[in-house]
Protein backbone atom coordinates (compact mmCIF):
# COMPACT_ATOMS: atom_id res chain seq x y z
CA MET A 1 -4.23 -50.26 57.54
CA ASP A 2 -1.87 -52.96 55.47
CA SER A 3 0.18 -51.68 52.42
CA THR A 4 -2.74 -53.29 49.88
CA THR A 5 -5.34 -50.88 51.46
CA LEU A 6 -3.21 -47.82 51.16
CA VAL A 7 -2.12 -48.57 47.74
CA GLY A 8 -5.50 -49.22 46.95
CA LEU A 9 -6.92 -45.90 48.60
CA ALA A 10 -4.25 -44.08 46.92
CA GLY A 11 -5.37 -45.14 43.52
CA ILE A 12 -8.73 -44.47 44.04
CA ALA A 13 -7.49 -40.84 45.31
CA GLY A 14 -5.48 -40.30 42.05
CA THR A 15 -8.32 -41.37 40.12
CA LEU A 16 -10.82 -38.84 41.72
CA ILE A 17 -7.95 -36.13 41.30
CA GLY A 18 -7.57 -36.96 37.69
CA GLY A 19 -11.36 -36.94 37.33
CA GLY A 20 -11.78 -33.54 38.59
CA LEU A 21 -8.33 -32.16 36.57
CA GLY A 22 -10.19 -33.78 33.61
CA VAL A 23 -13.53 -32.00 34.19
CA ALA A 24 -11.81 -29.00 35.11
CA GLY A 25 -9.97 -29.20 31.76
CA THR A 26 -12.93 -29.49 29.91
CA LEU A 27 -14.78 -26.72 31.33
CA LEU A 28 -11.93 -24.44 30.93
CA ALA A 29 -11.44 -25.65 26.78
CA ALA A 30 -15.24 -25.05 26.68
CA ARG A 31 -14.91 -21.70 28.00
CA LEU A 32 -12.34 -20.62 25.69
CA THR A 33 -13.81 -22.20 22.62
CA THR A 34 -17.09 -19.80 23.55
CA ARG A 35 -15.41 -17.05 23.97
CA ALA A 36 -13.53 -17.48 20.53
CA ALA A 37 -16.53 -18.35 18.72
CA ASP A 38 -17.85 -15.34 20.00
CA ASP A 39 -15.41 -13.12 19.03
CA LEU A 40 -15.13 -14.74 15.36
CA ALA A 41 -19.11 -13.84 15.23
CA THR A 42 -18.26 -10.36 16.50
CA ARG A 43 -15.59 -9.89 14.05
CA THR A 44 -17.56 -11.26 11.60
CA ALA A 45 -20.41 -8.65 12.15
CA ARG A 46 -18.05 -5.93 12.30
CA ARG A 47 -16.39 -6.86 8.92
CA GLN A 48 -19.68 -6.47 7.06
CA ILE A 49 -21.21 -3.52 8.68
CA TYR A 50 -17.62 -1.67 7.93
CA ALA A 51 -17.29 -2.89 4.63
CA ALA A 52 -21.13 -1.61 3.66
CA CYS A 53 -20.18 1.70 5.31
CA SER A 54 -16.47 1.65 2.81
CA ALA A 55 -18.77 0.67 0.18
CA ALA A 56 -21.07 3.54 0.41
CA LEU A 57 -18.66 5.87 0.89
CA LEU A 58 -16.91 4.89 -1.75
CA THR A 59 -20.01 5.06 -4.28
CA PHE A 60 -20.51 8.47 -2.84
CA ALA A 61 -17.06 9.82 -3.61
CA HIS A 62 -17.61 8.36 -7.06
CA THR A 63 -20.73 10.21 -7.69
CA THR A 64 -19.28 13.57 -6.49
CA ARG A 65 -16.71 12.95 -9.07
CA GLU A 66 -19.54 12.59 -11.51
CA VAL A 67 -21.42 15.48 -10.44
CA THR A 68 -18.19 17.43 -10.47
CA ARG A 69 -17.45 16.64 -14.03
CA LEU A 70 -20.83 17.43 -14.95
CA LEU A 71 -20.63 20.87 -13.63
CA ALA A 72 -17.18 21.74 -14.43
CA ASP A 73 -17.36 20.79 -17.94
CA ARG A 74 -20.74 22.66 -18.09
CA VAL A 75 -22.76 20.09 -19.86
CA ASN A 76 -25.80 21.56 -21.28
CA ASP A 77 -27.44 17.86 -20.69
CA GLN A 78 -30.00 19.08 -17.28
CA GLN A 79 -31.36 15.67 -17.10
CA ALA A 80 -28.07 13.99 -16.50
CA LEU A 81 -27.30 16.55 -14.07
CA LEU A 82 -30.44 16.16 -12.37
CA THR A 83 -29.90 12.42 -12.28
CA ALA A 84 -26.59 12.44 -10.95
CA LEU A 85 -27.69 15.04 -8.29
CA GLU A 86 -30.54 12.30 -7.42
CA ARG A 87 -27.92 9.56 -6.87
CA LEU A 88 -26.00 11.77 -4.91
CA GLN A 89 -28.66 12.20 -2.22
CA ALA A 90 -29.29 8.60 -2.13
CA ASN A 91 -25.80 7.73 -1.85
CA GLN A 92 -25.74 10.34 1.12
CA ALA A 93 -28.77 8.75 2.77
CA ALA A 94 -26.77 5.19 2.41
CA VAL A 95 -23.63 6.76 3.96
CA GLU A 96 -25.82 7.86 6.75
CA LEU A 97 -27.69 4.55 7.41
CA ALA A 98 -24.49 2.87 6.89
CA ALA A 99 -22.60 5.35 9.42
CA GLY A 100 -25.38 4.41 12.02
CA ALA A 101 -24.56 0.86 12.16
CA VAL A 102 -20.94 1.69 12.47
CA ALA A 103 -21.77 3.67 15.13
CA VAL A 104 -23.78 1.11 17.17
CA GLU A 105 -21.06 -1.70 16.25
CA GLY A 106 -18.21 0.37 17.50
CA PRO A 107 -15.54 0.79 19.17
CA PRO A 108 -15.12 4.50 19.67
CA SER A 109 -12.27 4.99 17.48
CA VAL A 110 -14.24 3.92 14.25
CA MET A 111 -17.23 5.62 15.51
CA ARG A 112 -15.29 8.76 15.62
CA LYS A 113 -13.84 7.91 11.99
CA VAL A 114 -17.55 7.50 10.81
CA GLU A 115 -18.96 10.39 12.28
CA LYS A 116 -16.13 12.49 10.60
CA SER A 117 -16.66 11.07 7.46
CA SER A 118 -20.92 11.53 7.76
CA ARG A 119 -20.00 15.55 8.21
CA VAL A 120 -17.71 15.56 5.13
CA VAL A 121 -20.45 13.71 3.09
CA ALA A 122 -23.06 16.25 4.09
CA ASN A 123 -21.19 19.26 3.74
CA PHE A 124 -19.94 17.96 0.50
CA SER A 125 -23.30 17.52 -0.85
CA LEU A 126 -24.57 21.04 0.51
CA VAL A 127 -21.00 22.30 -1.52
CA LEU A 128 -22.13 20.41 -5.03
CA GLU A 129 -25.97 21.55 -4.93
CA GLY A 130 -25.25 24.86 -4.28
CA TRP A 131 -22.69 25.12 -7.10
CA ALA A 132 -25.36 23.31 -9.28
CA SER A 133 -27.92 26.01 -8.56
CA TYR A 134 -25.41 28.82 -8.67
CA ASP A 135 -24.42 27.06 -12.11
CA SER A 136 -27.73 27.55 -13.45
CA GLU A 137 -27.73 31.48 -12.55
CA THR A 138 -24.00 32.05 -14.60
CA ASN A 139 -25.95 34.73 -16.60
CA SER A 140 -25.25 37.22 -14.02
CA SER A 141 -21.86 38.13 -12.60
CA GLN A 142 -22.72 37.32 -9.16
CA GLY A 143 -23.78 33.75 -10.29
CA ARG A 144 -20.37 33.46 -12.18
CA ASP A 145 -18.45 34.59 -9.15
CA LEU A 146 -20.49 31.62 -6.97
CA ALA A 147 -19.92 28.95 -9.53
CA ARG A 148 -16.12 29.74 -9.40
CA GLN A 149 -16.17 29.86 -5.94
CA GLY A 150 -18.10 26.33 -6.23
CA ARG A 151 -15.40 24.90 -8.03
CA ARG A 152 -12.61 26.07 -5.64
CA GLU A 153 -14.31 24.47 -3.06
CA VAL A 154 -15.29 21.19 -4.68
CA THR A 155 -11.55 20.54 -5.25
CA GLY A 156 -10.57 20.68 -1.92
CA MET A 157 -13.64 18.79 -0.81
CA GLN A 158 -12.87 16.08 -3.24
CA GLU A 159 -9.31 15.99 -1.68
CA ILE A 160 -10.91 15.75 1.75
CA MET A 161 -13.46 13.05 0.76
CA ASP A 162 -10.50 11.10 -0.55
CA ARG A 163 -8.25 11.28 2.87
CA ILE A 164 -11.49 10.50 5.10
CA VAL A 165 -12.43 7.27 3.07
CA GLU A 166 -8.63 5.90 3.51
CA GLU A 167 -8.68 7.20 7.12
CA PHE A 168 -12.32 5.18 7.69
CA ALA A 169 -10.80 2.32 6.05
CA ALA A 170 -7.55 2.05 7.81
CA GLU A 171 -9.05 2.43 11.34
CA CYS A 172 -11.42 -0.55 10.39
CA GLN A 173 -8.72 -2.75 9.38
CA ARG A 174 -6.89 -1.94 12.58
CA THR A 175 -9.59 -2.76 14.71
CA LEU A 176 -10.70 -5.83 12.70
CA HIS A 177 -6.63 -7.04 12.67
CA SER A 178 -5.48 -6.03 16.22
CA LYS A 179 -3.23 -8.38 17.59
CA ARG A 180 -4.65 -10.44 20.75
CA GLN A 181 -3.12 -10.25 24.51
CA LEU A 182 -2.14 -13.47 25.90
CA GLY A 183 -4.38 -14.53 28.52
CA ARG A 184 -7.35 -12.24 26.81
CA TYR A 185 -9.99 -15.18 27.35
CA TRP A 186 -9.03 -16.22 30.86
């Protein structure tokens, strides 16, 4: 073969290799873009689910303070107390619903925090409802003792509730804002 033919063949081979590398680069870029888009969609969904659960926990905590205030001040407005207790039950149901969504979405570290939160919410509801029923029986010495015990338990439970809400929010933030490892999408 003469030199012109060899140069032509080398040009054709170079074009084929360059085209193959271009196709491979395009496919790799598409794969990375798809994974990044999937990751963004997952993070967005988690953010919404975590936000809904945090809002439900904060609303429940606010309602517990309202019920506690009504009971501690010994407000004689039974209708206000009944309304607050109904809101407490509705907020507890909202926490349980949101916690279920978080448990499905994961990851396990957040799931453990939301399970702990749900247990605290259920226990706190029982304590407050018990205090309300004891408070209605304060004419007896046993009723007064139970009401005092309820007040002590509520003070401790409120501190636990505040800490649980903070721990859940912190774990959600860690999950949503964790650093990515290089090469994760390869």
